[in-house]
Amino acid sequence: VSEHLSKQTNQTIKESKTLLEDSKSVLYLMFALASMIALL
């Protein structure tokens, strides 16, 4: 059960990464840079 919870956590993190990548095209350069740093 704990391993399954860990997989769900990783899946959630991957979704966050995808959201950041989709949003960076509409952000200013600095915001994009900040977002990239935040994503990193």
PDB file of all heavy atoms in Angstrom:
ATOM      1  N   VAL A   1       0.843  -1.204   0.000  1.00  0.00           N
ATOM      2  CA  VAL A   1       0.000   0.000   0.000  1.00  0.00           C
ATOM      3  C   VAL A   1       0.873   1.248   0.000  1.00  0.00           C
ATOM      4  O   VAL A   1       0.626   2.213  -0.740  1.00  0.00           O
ATOM      5  CB  VAL A   1      -0.935  -0.012   1.225  1.00  0.00           C
ATOM      6  CG1 VAL A   1      -1.670   1.310   1.347  1.00  0.00           C
ATOM      7  CG2 VAL A   1      -1.935  -1.154   1.117  1.00  0.00           C
ATOM      8  N   SER A   2       1.918   1.244   0.840  1.00  0.00           N
ATOM      9  CA  SER A   2       2.817   2.406   0.898  1.00  0.00           C
ATOM     10  C   SER A   2       3.513   2.626  -0.435  1.00  0.00           C
ATOM     11  O   SER A   2       3.699   3.762  -0.889  1.00  0.00           O
ATOM     12  CB  SER A   2       3.851   2.193   2.000  1.00  0.00           C
ATOM     13  OG  SER A   2       3.246   2.068   3.240  1.00  0.00           O
ATOM     14  N   GLU A   3       3.901   1.532  -1.111  1.00  0.00           N
ATOM     15  CA  GLU A   3       4.543   1.672  -2.420  1.00  0.00           C
ATOM     16  C   GLU A   3       3.583   2.285  -3.434  1.00  0.00           C
ATOM     17  O   GLU A   3       3.966   3.120  -4.259  1.00  0.00           O
ATOM     18  CB  GLU A   3       5.016   0.299  -2.881  1.00  0.00           C
ATOM     19  CG  GLU A   3       5.829   0.333  -4.170  1.00  0.00           C
ATOM     20  CD  GLU A   3       6.317  -1.044  -4.553  1.00  0.00           C
ATOM     21  OE1 GLU A   3       5.506  -1.983  -4.482  1.00  0.00           O
ATOM     22  OE2 GLU A   3       7.490  -1.167  -4.927  1.00  0.00           O
ATOM     23  N   HIS A   4       2.299   1.881  -3.337  1.00  0.00           N
ATOM     24  CA  HIS A   4       1.302   2.448  -4.250  1.00  0.00           C
ATOM     25  C   HIS A   4       1.123   3.942  -3.992  1.00  0.00           C
ATOM     26  O   HIS A   4       1.008   4.744  -4.930  1.00  0.00           O
ATOM     27  CB  HIS A   4      -0.028   1.715  -4.074  1.00  0.00           C
ATOM     28  CG  HIS A   4      -1.101   2.186  -5.032  1.00  0.00           C
ATOM     29  ND1 HIS A   4      -1.077   1.899  -6.388  1.00  0.00           N
ATOM     30  CD2 HIS A   4      -2.201   2.944  -4.798  1.00  0.00           C
ATOM     31  CE1 HIS A   4      -2.134   2.462  -6.952  1.00  0.00           C
ATOM     32  NE2 HIS A   4      -2.832   3.088  -6.024  1.00  0.00           N
ATOM     33  N   LEU A   5       1.134   4.332  -2.700  1.00  0.00           N
ATOM     34  CA  LEU A   5       1.030   5.752  -2.362  1.00  0.00           C
ATOM     35  C   LEU A   5       2.229   6.526  -2.912  1.00  0.00           C
ATOM     36  O   LEU A   5       2.099   7.673  -3.373  1.00  0.00           O
ATOM     37  CB  LEU A   5       0.946   5.911  -0.844  1.00  0.00           C
ATOM     38  CG  LEU A   5      -0.330   5.378  -0.175  1.00  0.00           C
ATOM     39  CD1 LEU A   5      -0.201   5.472   1.327  1.00  0.00           C
ATOM     40  CD2 LEU A   5      -1.557   6.140  -0.653  1.00  0.00           C
ATOM     41  N   SER A   6       3.406   5.898  -2.866  1.00  0.00           N
ATOM     42  CA  SER A   6       4.605   6.552  -3.394  1.00  0.00           C
ATOM     43  C   SER A   6       4.492   6.757  -4.901  1.00  0.00           C
ATOM     44  O   SER A   6       4.874   7.805  -5.437  1.00  0.00           O
ATOM     45  CB  SER A   6       5.831   5.711  -3.057  1.00  0.00           C
ATOM     46  OG  SER A   6       6.997   6.295  -3.586  1.00  0.00           O
ATOM     47  N   LYS A   7       3.925   5.743  -5.593  1.00  0.00           N
ATOM     48  CA  LYS A   7       3.743   5.886  -7.046  1.00  0.00           C
ATOM     49  C   LYS A   7       2.773   7.022  -7.367  1.00  0.00           C
ATOM     50  O   LYS A   7       2.978   7.786  -8.323  1.00  0.00           O
ATOM     51  CB  LYS A   7       3.225   4.570  -7.622  1.00  0.00           C
ATOM     52  CG  LYS A   7       4.274   3.461  -7.623  1.00  0.00           C
ATOM     53  CD  LYS A   7       3.689   2.187  -8.203  1.00  0.00           C
ATOM     54  CE  LYS A   7       4.735   1.078  -8.205  1.00  0.00           C
ATOM     55  NZ  LYS A   7       4.179  -0.185  -8.738  1.00  0.00           N
ATOM     56  N   GLN A   8       1.712   7.129  -6.572  1.00  0.00           N
ATOM     57  CA  GLN A   8       0.764   8.223  -6.804  1.00  0.00           C
ATOM     58  C   GLN A   8       1.435   9.576  -6.578  1.00  0.00           C
ATOM     59  O   GLN A   8       1.169  10.550  -7.304  1.00  0.00           O
ATOM     60  CB  GLN A   8      -0.439   8.070  -5.869  1.00  0.00           C
ATOM     61  CG  GLN A   8      -1.378   6.934  -6.271  1.00  0.00           C
ATOM     62  CD  GLN A   8      -2.636   6.911  -5.423  1.00  0.00           C
ATOM     63  OE1 GLN A   8      -2.629   7.394  -4.297  1.00  0.00           O
ATOM     64  NE2 GLN A   8      -3.699   6.379  -5.987  1.00  0.00           N
ATOM     65  N   THR A   9       2.334   9.627  -5.587  1.00  0.00           N
ATOM     66  CA  THR A   9       3.077  10.877  -5.346  1.00  0.00           C
ATOM     67  C   THR A   9       3.940  11.230  -6.553  1.00  0.00           C
ATOM     68  O   THR A   9       3.978  12.389  -7.006  1.00  0.00           O
ATOM     69  CB  THR A   9       3.948  10.726  -4.100  1.00  0.00           C
ATOM     70  OG1 THR A   9       3.118  10.392  -2.984  1.00  0.00           O
ATOM     71  CG2 THR A   9       4.679  12.016  -3.782  1.00  0.00           C
ATOM     72  N   ASN A  10       4.636  10.255  -7.089  1.00  0.00           N
ATOM     73  CA  ASN A  10       5.471  10.498  -8.275  1.00  0.00           C
ATOM     74  C   ASN A  10       4.640  10.935  -9.467  1.00  0.00           C
ATOM     75  O   ASN A  10       5.031  11.815 -10.251  1.00  0.00           O
ATOM     76  CB  ASN A  10       6.261   9.235  -8.615  1.00  0.00           C
ATOM     77  CG  ASN A  10       7.339   8.940  -7.604  1.00  0.00           C
ATOM     78  OD1 ASN A  10       7.837   9.856  -6.946  1.00  0.00           O
ATOM     79  ND2 ASN A  10       7.717   7.682  -7.465  1.00  0.00           N
ATOM     80  N   GLN A  11       3.438  10.317  -9.613  1.00  0.00           N
ATOM     81  CA  GLN A  11       2.555  10.696 -10.718  1.00  0.00           C
ATOM     82  C   GLN A  11       2.096  12.137 -10.575  1.00  0.00           C
ATOM     83  O   GLN A  11       2.036  12.899 -11.546  1.00  0.00           O
ATOM     84  CB  GLN A  11       1.333   9.747 -10.745  1.00  0.00           C
ATOM     85  CG  GLN A  11       0.357  10.028 -11.871  1.00  0.00           C
ATOM     86  CD  GLN A  11       0.987   9.820 -13.238  1.00  0.00           C
ATOM     87  OE1 GLN A  11       1.869   8.967 -13.389  1.00  0.00           O
ATOM     88  NE2 GLN A  11       0.567  10.596 -14.215  1.00  0.00           N
ATOM     89  N   THR A  12       1.801  12.532  -9.343  1.00  0.00           N
ATOM     90  CA  THR A  12       1.386  13.925  -9.108  1.00  0.00           C
ATOM     91  C   THR A  12       2.507  14.891  -9.448  1.00  0.00           C
ATOM     92  O   THR A  12       2.278  15.971 -10.021  1.00  0.00           O
ATOM     93  CB  THR A  12       0.970  14.092  -7.639  1.00  0.00           C
ATOM     94  OG1 THR A  12      -0.059  13.152  -7.333  1.00  0.00           O
ATOM     95  CG2 THR A  12       0.448  15.489  -7.373  1.00  0.00           C
ATOM     96  N   ILE A  13       3.728  14.516  -9.081  1.00  0.00           N
ATOM     97  CA  ILE A  13       4.887  15.380  -9.395  1.00  0.00           C
ATOM     98  C   ILE A  13       5.069  15.505 -10.911  1.00  0.00           C
ATOM     99  O   ILE A  13       5.361  16.593 -11.446  1.00  0.00           O
ATOM    100  CB  ILE A  13       6.144  14.812  -8.736  1.00  0.00           C
ATOM    101  CG1 ILE A  13       6.011  14.907  -7.206  1.00  0.00           C
ATOM    102  CG2 ILE A  13       7.394  15.554  -9.176  1.00  0.00           C
ATOM    103  CD1 ILE A  13       7.091  14.186  -6.458  1.00  0.00           C
ATOM    104  N   LYS A  14       4.875  14.384 -11.613  1.00  0.00           N
ATOM    105  CA  LYS A  14       4.994  14.443 -13.074  1.00  0.00           C
ATOM    106  C   LYS A  14       3.933  15.360 -13.681  1.00  0.00           C
ATOM    107  O   LYS A  14       4.192  16.105 -14.647  1.00  0.00           O
ATOM    108  CB  LYS A  14       4.857  13.039 -13.648  1.00  0.00           C
ATOM    109  CG  LYS A  14       6.047  12.134 -13.353  1.00  0.00           C
ATOM    110  CD  LYS A  14       5.858  10.762 -13.947  1.00  0.00           C
ATOM    111  CE  LYS A  14       7.050   9.860 -13.647  1.00  0.00           C
ATOM    112  NZ  LYS A  14       6.872   8.513 -14.200  1.00  0.00           N
ATOM    113  N   GLU A  15       2.739  15.345 -13.132  1.00  0.00           N
ATOM    114  CA  GLU A  15       1.684  16.239 -13.636  1.00  0.00           C
ATOM    115  C   GLU A  15       2.048  17.701 -13.405  1.00  0.00           C
ATOM    116  O   GLU A  15       1.786  18.572 -14.261  1.00  0.00           O
ATOM    117  CB  GLU A  15       0.365  15.908 -12.946  1.00  0.00           C
ATOM    118  CG  GLU A  15      -0.206  14.547 -13.353  1.00  0.00           C
ATOM    119  CD  GLU A  15      -1.444  14.173 -12.555  1.00  0.00           C
ATOM    120  OE1 GLU A  15      -1.854  14.973 -11.693  1.00  0.00           O
ATOM    121  OE2 GLU A  15      -1.988  13.094 -12.805  1.00  0.00           O
ATOM    122  N   SER A  16       2.669  17.966 -12.255  1.00  0.00           N
ATOM    123  CA  SER A  16       3.119  19.342 -11.991  1.00  0.00           C
ATOM    124  C   SER A  16       4.163  19.775 -13.006  1.00  0.00           C
ATOM    125  O   SER A  16       4.170  20.920 -13.491  1.00  0.00           O
ATOM    126  CB  SER A  16       3.682  19.433 -10.568  1.00  0.00           C
ATOM    127  OG  SER A  16       2.698  19.132  -9.620  1.00  0.00           O
ATOM    128  N   LYS A  17       5.055  18.887 -13.355  1.00  0.00           N
ATOM    129  CA  LYS A  17       6.096  19.191 -14.338  1.00  0.00           C
ATOM    130  C   LYS A  17       5.488  19.495 -15.707  1.00  0.00           C
ATOM    131  O   LYS A  17       5.885  20.452 -16.406  1.00  0.00           O
ATOM    132  CB  LYS A  17       7.049  18.005 -14.428  1.00  0.00           C
ATOM    133  CG  LYS A  17       8.171  18.192 -15.433  1.00  0.00           C
ATOM    134  CD  LYS A  17       9.072  16.984 -15.447  1.00  0.00           C
ATOM    135  CE  LYS A  17      10.161  17.152 -16.509  1.00  0.00           C
ATOM    136  NZ  LYS A  17      11.028  15.957 -16.565  1.00  0.00           N
ATOM    137  N   THR A  18       4.514  18.683 -16.086  1.00  0.00           N
ATOM    138  CA  THR A  18       3.857  18.909 -17.381  1.00  0.00           C
ATOM    139  C   THR A  18       3.147  20.260 -17.407  1.00  0.00           C
ATOM    140  O   THR A  18       3.177  21.001 -18.422  1.00  0.00           O
ATOM    141  CB  THR A  18       2.854  17.791 -17.649  1.00  0.00           C
ATOM    142  OG1 THR A  18       3.541  16.533 -17.624  1.00  0.00           O
ATOM    143  CG2 THR A  18       2.171  17.976 -19.002  1.00  0.00           C
ATOM    144  N   LEU A  19       2.497  20.604 -16.299  1.00  0.00           N
ATOM    145  CA  LEU A  19       1.809  21.900 -16.228  1.00  0.00           C
ATOM    146  C   LEU A  19       2.786  23.056 -16.385  1.00  0.00           C
ATOM    147  O   LEU A  19       2.502  24.052 -17.084  1.00  0.00           O
ATOM    148  CB  LEU A  19       1.073  22.007 -14.883  1.00  0.00           C
ATOM    149  CG  LEU A  19       0.357  23.336 -14.626  1.00  0.00           C
ATOM    150  CD1 LEU A  19      -0.743  23.575 -15.669  1.00  0.00           C
ATOM    151  CD2 LEU A  19      -0.239  23.358 -13.223  1.00  0.00           C
ATOM    152  N   LEU A  20       3.941  22.956 -15.752  1.00  0.00           N
ATOM    153  CA  LEU A  20       4.943  24.016 -15.880  1.00  0.00           C
ATOM    154  C   LEU A  20       5.432  24.150 -17.321  1.00  0.00           C
ATOM    155  O   LEU A  20       5.618  25.266 -17.849  1.00  0.00           O
ATOM    156  CB  LEU A  20       6.118  23.720 -14.944  1.00  0.00           C
ATOM    157  CG  LEU A  20       5.905  24.064 -13.459  1.00  0.00           C
ATOM    158  CD1 LEU A  20       7.074  23.567 -12.651  1.00  0.00           C
ATOM    159  CD2 LEU A  20       5.733  25.549 -13.274  1.00  0.00           C
ATOM    160  N   GLU A  21       5.666  23.002 -17.963  1.00  0.00           N
ATOM    161  CA  GLU A  21       6.148  23.037 -19.352  1.00  0.00           C
ATOM    162  C   GLU A  21       5.101  23.638 -20.298  1.00  0.00           C
ATOM    163  O   GLU A  21       5.443  24.365 -21.252  1.00  0.00           O
ATOM    164  CB  GLU A  21       6.520  21.624 -19.801  1.00  0.00           C
ATOM    165  CG  GLU A  21       7.755  21.092 -19.092  1.00  0.00           C
ATOM    166  CD  GLU A  21       8.071  19.659 -19.471  1.00  0.00           C
ATOM    167  OE1 GLU A  21       7.204  19.004 -20.098  1.00  0.00           O
ATOM    168  OE2 GLU A  21       9.166  19.201 -19.123  1.00  0.00           O
ATOM    169  N   ASP A  22       3.795  23.370 -20.047  1.00  0.00           N
ATOM    170  CA  ASP A  22       2.730  23.939 -20.899  1.00  0.00           C
ATOM    171  C   ASP A  22       2.544  25.431 -20.671  1.00  0.00           C
ATOM    172  O   ASP A  22       2.095  26.170 -21.571  1.00  0.00           O
ATOM    173  CB  ASP A  22       1.418  23.207 -20.619  1.00  0.00           C
ATOM    174  CG  ASP A  22       1.455  21.760 -21.076  1.00  0.00           C
ATOM    175  OD1 ASP A  22       2.292  21.448 -21.945  1.00  0.00           O
ATOM    176  OD2 ASP A  22       0.641  20.966 -20.582  1.00  0.00           O
ATOM    177  N   SER A  23       2.873  25.903 -19.445  1.00  0.00           N
ATOM    178  CA  SER A  23       2.623  27.313 -19.108  1.00  0.00           C
ATOM    179  C   SER A  23       3.775  28.251 -19.465  1.00  0.00           C
ATOM    180  O   SER A  23       3.593  29.472 -19.525  1.00  0.00           O
ATOM    181  CB  SER A  23       2.339  27.438 -17.594  1.00  0.00           C
ATOM    182  OG  SER A  23       1.239  26.654 -17.231  1.00  0.00           O
ATOM    183  N   LYS A  24       4.957  27.692 -19.704  1.00  0.00           N
ATOM    184  CA  LYS A  24       6.123  28.565 -19.883  1.00  0.00           C
ATOM    185  C   LYS A  24       6.070  29.398 -21.185  1.00  0.00           C
ATOM    186  O   LYS A  24       6.737  30.426 -21.301  1.00  0.00           O
ATOM    187  CB  LYS A  24       7.390  27.730 -19.821  1.00  0.00           C
ATOM    188  CG  LYS A  24       7.611  26.802 -21.012  1.00  0.00           C
ATOM    189  CD  LYS A  24       8.900  26.033 -20.844  1.00  0.00           C
ATOM    190  CE  LYS A  24       9.096  25.075 -22.020  1.00  0.00           C
ATOM    191  NZ  LYS A  24      10.349  24.315 -21.880  1.00  0.00           N
ATOM    192  N   SER A  25       5.283  28.956 -22.224  1.00  0.00           N
ATOM    193  CA  SER A  25       5.204  29.693 -23.497  1.00  0.00           C
ATOM    194  C   SER A  25       4.495  31.033 -23.378  1.00  0.00           C
ATOM    195  O   SER A  25       4.632  31.888 -24.246  1.00  0.00           O
ATOM    196  CB  SER A  25       4.521  28.821 -24.560  1.00  0.00           C
ATOM    197  OG  SER A  25       3.212  28.496 -24.153  1.00  0.00           O
ATOM    198  N   VAL A  26       3.677  31.232 -22.315  1.00  0.00           N
ATOM    199  CA  VAL A  26       2.907  32.465 -22.154  1.00  0.00           C
ATOM    200  C   VAL A  26       3.457  33.350 -21.051  1.00  0.00           C
ATOM    201  O   VAL A  26       2.815  34.333 -20.675  1.00  0.00           O
ATOM    202  CB  VAL A  26       1.427  32.115 -21.873  1.00  0.00           C
ATOM    203  CG1 VAL A  26       0.783  31.436 -23.071  1.00  0.00           C
ATOM    204  CG2 VAL A  26       1.307  31.242 -20.627  1.00  0.00           C
ATOM    205  N   LEU A  27       4.549  32.953 -20.481  1.00  0.00           N
ATOM    206  CA  LEU A  27       5.133  33.730 -19.385  1.00  0.00           C
ATOM    207  C   LEU A  27       6.282  34.581 -19.923  1.00  0.00           C
ATOM    208  O   LEU A  27       6.898  34.245 -20.956  1.00  0.00           O
ATOM    209  CB  LEU A  27       5.628  32.809 -18.277  1.00  0.00           C
ATOM    210  CG  LEU A  27       4.577  31.934 -17.565  1.00  0.00           C
ATOM    211  CD1 LEU A  27       5.251  30.985 -16.598  1.00  0.00           C
ATOM    212  CD2 LEU A  27       3.580  32.812 -16.837  1.00  0.00           C
ATOM    213  N   TYR A  28       6.557  35.655 -19.299  1.00  0.00           N
ATOM    214  CA  TYR A  28       7.718  36.469 -19.638  1.00  0.00           C
ATOM    215  C   TYR A  28       8.984  35.677 -19.407  1.00  0.00           C
ATOM    216  O   TYR A  28       8.976  34.651 -18.721  1.00  0.00           O
ATOM    217  CB  TYR A  28       7.744  37.744 -18.782  1.00  0.00           C
ATOM    218  CG  TYR A  28       6.625  38.691 -19.099  1.00  0.00           C
ATOM    219  CD1 TYR A  28       5.590  38.881 -18.188  1.00  0.00           C
ATOM    220  CD2 TYR A  28       6.627  39.390 -20.308  1.00  0.00           C
ATOM    221  CE1 TYR A  28       4.570  39.764 -18.491  1.00  0.00           C
ATOM    222  CE2 TYR A  28       5.605  40.267 -20.606  1.00  0.00           C
ATOM    223  CZ  TYR A  28       4.569  40.445 -19.705  1.00  0.00           C
ATOM    224  OH  TYR A  28       3.578  41.312 -20.014  1.00  0.00           O
ATOM    225  N   LEU A  29      10.046  36.162 -19.993  1.00  0.00           N
ATOM    226  CA  LEU A  29      11.305  35.445 -19.934  1.00  0.00           C
ATOM    227  C   LEU A  29      11.743  35.223 -18.487  1.00  0.00           C
ATOM    228  O   LEU A  29      12.125  34.131 -18.100  1.00  0.00           O
ATOM    229  CB  LEU A  29      12.384  36.227 -20.708  1.00  0.00           C
ATOM    230  CG  LEU A  29      13.753  35.557 -20.783  1.00  0.00           C
ATOM    231  CD1 LEU A  29      13.681  34.192 -21.426  1.00  0.00           C
ATOM    232  CD2 LEU A  29      14.737  36.471 -21.518  1.00  0.00           C
ATOM    233  N   MET A  30      11.610  36.289 -17.714  1.00  0.00           N
ATOM    234  CA  MET A  30      12.043  36.167 -16.324  1.00  0.00           C
ATOM    235  C   MET A  30      11.141  35.223 -15.536  1.00  0.00           C
ATOM    236  O   MET A  30      11.604  34.454 -14.696  1.00  0.00           O
ATOM    237  CB  MET A  30      12.084  37.540 -15.656  1.00  0.00           C
ATOM    238  CG  MET A  30      13.125  38.495 -16.258  1.00  0.00           C
ATOM    239  SD  MET A  30      14.793  37.849 -16.181  1.00  0.00           S
ATOM    240  CE  MET A  30      15.054  37.848 -14.424  1.00  0.00           C
ATOM    241  N   PHE A  31       9.813  35.372 -15.879  1.00  0.00           N
ATOM    242  CA  PHE A  31       8.871  34.492 -15.205  1.00  0.00           C
ATOM    243  C   PHE A  31       9.116  33.042 -15.597  1.00  0.00           C
ATOM    244  O   PHE A  31       9.025  32.122 -14.796  1.00  0.00           O
ATOM    245  CB  PHE A  31       7.450  34.935 -15.533  1.00  0.00           C
ATOM    246  CG  PHE A  31       6.397  34.182 -14.765  1.00  0.00           C
ATOM    247  CD1 PHE A  31       6.147  34.459 -13.432  1.00  0.00           C
ATOM    248  CD2 PHE A  31       5.663  33.174 -15.393  1.00  0.00           C
ATOM    249  CE1 PHE A  31       5.179  33.768 -12.733  1.00  0.00           C
ATOM    250  CE2 PHE A  31       4.702  32.479 -14.687  1.00  0.00           C
ATOM    251  CZ  PHE A  31       4.453  32.776 -13.349  1.00  0.00           C
ATOM    252  N   ALA A  32       9.445  32.891 -16.947  1.00  0.00           N
ATOM    253  CA  ALA A  32       9.760  31.545 -17.421  1.00  0.00           C
ATOM    254  C   ALA A  32      11.003  31.003 -16.725  1.00  0.00           C
ATOM    255  O   ALA A  32      11.066  29.826 -16.334  1.00  0.00           O
ATOM    256  CB  ALA A  32       9.946  31.561 -18.933  1.00  0.00           C
ATOM    257  N   LEU A  33      12.018  31.897 -16.618  1.00  0.00           N
ATOM    258  CA  LEU A  33      13.234  31.483 -15.931  1.00  0.00           C
ATOM    259  C   LEU A  33      12.954  31.112 -14.475  1.00  0.00           C
ATOM    260  O   LEU A  33      13.439  30.090 -13.970  1.00  0.00           O
ATOM    261  CB  LEU A  33      14.272  32.609 -16.011  1.00  0.00           C
ATOM    262  CG  LEU A  33      15.631  32.311 -15.383  1.00  0.00           C
ATOM    263  CD1 LEU A  33      16.282  31.119 -16.048  1.00  0.00           C
ATOM    264  CD2 LEU A  33      16.531  33.545 -15.470  1.00  0.00           C
ATOM    265  N   ALA A  34      12.145  31.996 -13.831  1.00  0.00           N
ATOM    266  CA  ALA A  34      11.792  31.695 -12.432  1.00  0.00           C
ATOM    267  C   ALA A  34      11.006  30.395 -12.315  1.00  0.00           C
ATOM    268  O   ALA A  34      11.190  29.600 -11.394  1.00  0.00           O
ATOM    269  CB  ALA A  34      10.991  32.849 -11.838  1.00  0.00           C
ATOM    270  N   SER A  35      10.128  30.225 -13.345  1.00  0.00           N
ATOM    271  CA  SER A  35       9.338  28.982 -13.311  1.00  0.00           C
ATOM    272  C   SER A  35      10.221  27.760 -13.492  1.00  0.00           C
ATOM    273  O   SER A  35      10.032  26.724 -12.853  1.00  0.00           O
ATOM    274  CB  SER A  35       8.270  29.020 -14.406  1.00  0.00           C
ATOM    275  OG  SER A  35       7.370  30.075 -14.194  1.00  0.00           O
ATOM    276  N   MET A  36      11.208  27.927 -14.407  1.00  0.00           N
ATOM    277  CA  MET A  36      12.115  26.809 -14.627  1.00  0.00           C
ATOM    278  C   MET A  36      12.919  26.492 -13.359  1.00  0.00           C
ATOM    279  O   MET A  36      13.133  25.326 -13.018  1.00  0.00           O
ATOM    280  CB  MET A  36      13.059  27.139 -15.790  1.00  0.00           C
ATOM    281  CG  MET A  36      12.354  27.163 -17.157  1.00  0.00           C
ATOM    282  SD  MET A  36      13.456  27.663 -18.482  1.00  0.00           S
ATOM    283  CE  MET A  36      14.614  26.335 -18.456  1.00  0.00           C
ATOM    284  N   ILE A  37      13.361  27.605 -12.711  1.00  0.00           N
ATOM    285  CA  ILE A  37      14.098  27.395 -11.463  1.00  0.00           C
ATOM    286  C   ILE A  37      13.204  26.708 -10.419  1.00  0.00           C
ATOM    287  O   ILE A  37      13.619  25.773  -9.720  1.00  0.00           O
ATOM    288  CB  ILE A  37      14.634  28.727 -10.936  1.00  0.00           C
ATOM    289  CG1 ILE A  37      15.691  29.301 -11.904  1.00  0.00           C
ATOM    290  CG2 ILE A  37      15.232  28.558  -9.537  1.00  0.00           C
ATOM    291  CD1 ILE A  37      16.154  30.700 -11.548  1.00  0.00           C
ATOM    292  N   ALA A  38      11.943  27.240 -10.361  1.00  0.00           N
ATOM    293  CA  ALA A  38      11.004  26.635  -9.400  1.00  0.00           C
ATOM    294  C   ALA A  38      10.747  25.173  -9.723  1.00  0.00           C
ATOM    295  O   ALA A  38      10.666  24.307  -8.845  1.00  0.00           O
ATOM    296  CB  ALA A  38       9.695  27.413  -9.391  1.00  0.00           C
ATOM    297  N   LEU A  39      10.623  24.903 -11.069  1.00  0.00           N
ATOM    298  CA  LEU A  39      10.401  23.523 -11.478  1.00  0.00           C
ATOM    299  C   LEU A  39      11.586  22.644 -11.105  1.00  0.00           C
ATOM    300  O   LEU A  39      11.426  21.512 -10.632  1.00  0.00           O
ATOM    301  CB  LEU A  39      10.156  23.467 -12.984  1.00  0.00           C
ATOM    302  CG  LEU A  39       9.939  22.069 -13.579  1.00  0.00           C
ATOM    303  CD1 LEU A  39       8.705  21.413 -12.964  1.00  0.00           C
ATOM    304  CD2 LEU A  39       9.806  22.147 -15.097  1.00  0.00           C
ATOM    305  N   LEU A  40      12.789  23.203 -11.334  1.00  0.00           N
ATOM    306  CA  LEU A  40      13.981  22.442 -11.002  1.00  0.00           C
ATOM    307  C   LEU A  40      14.045  22.122  -9.506  1.00  0.00           C
ATOM    308  O   LEU A  40      14.355  21.001  -9.101  1.00  0.00           O
ATOM    309  CB  LEU A  40      15.228  23.224 -11.431  1.00  0.00           C
ATOM    310  CG  LEU A  40      16.571  22.535 -11.158  1.00  0.00           C
ATOM    311  CD1 LEU A  40      16.651  21.218 -11.905  1.00  0.00           C
ATOM    312  CD2 LEU A  40      17.726  23.455 -11.540  1.00  0.00           C
TER     313      LEU A  40
END
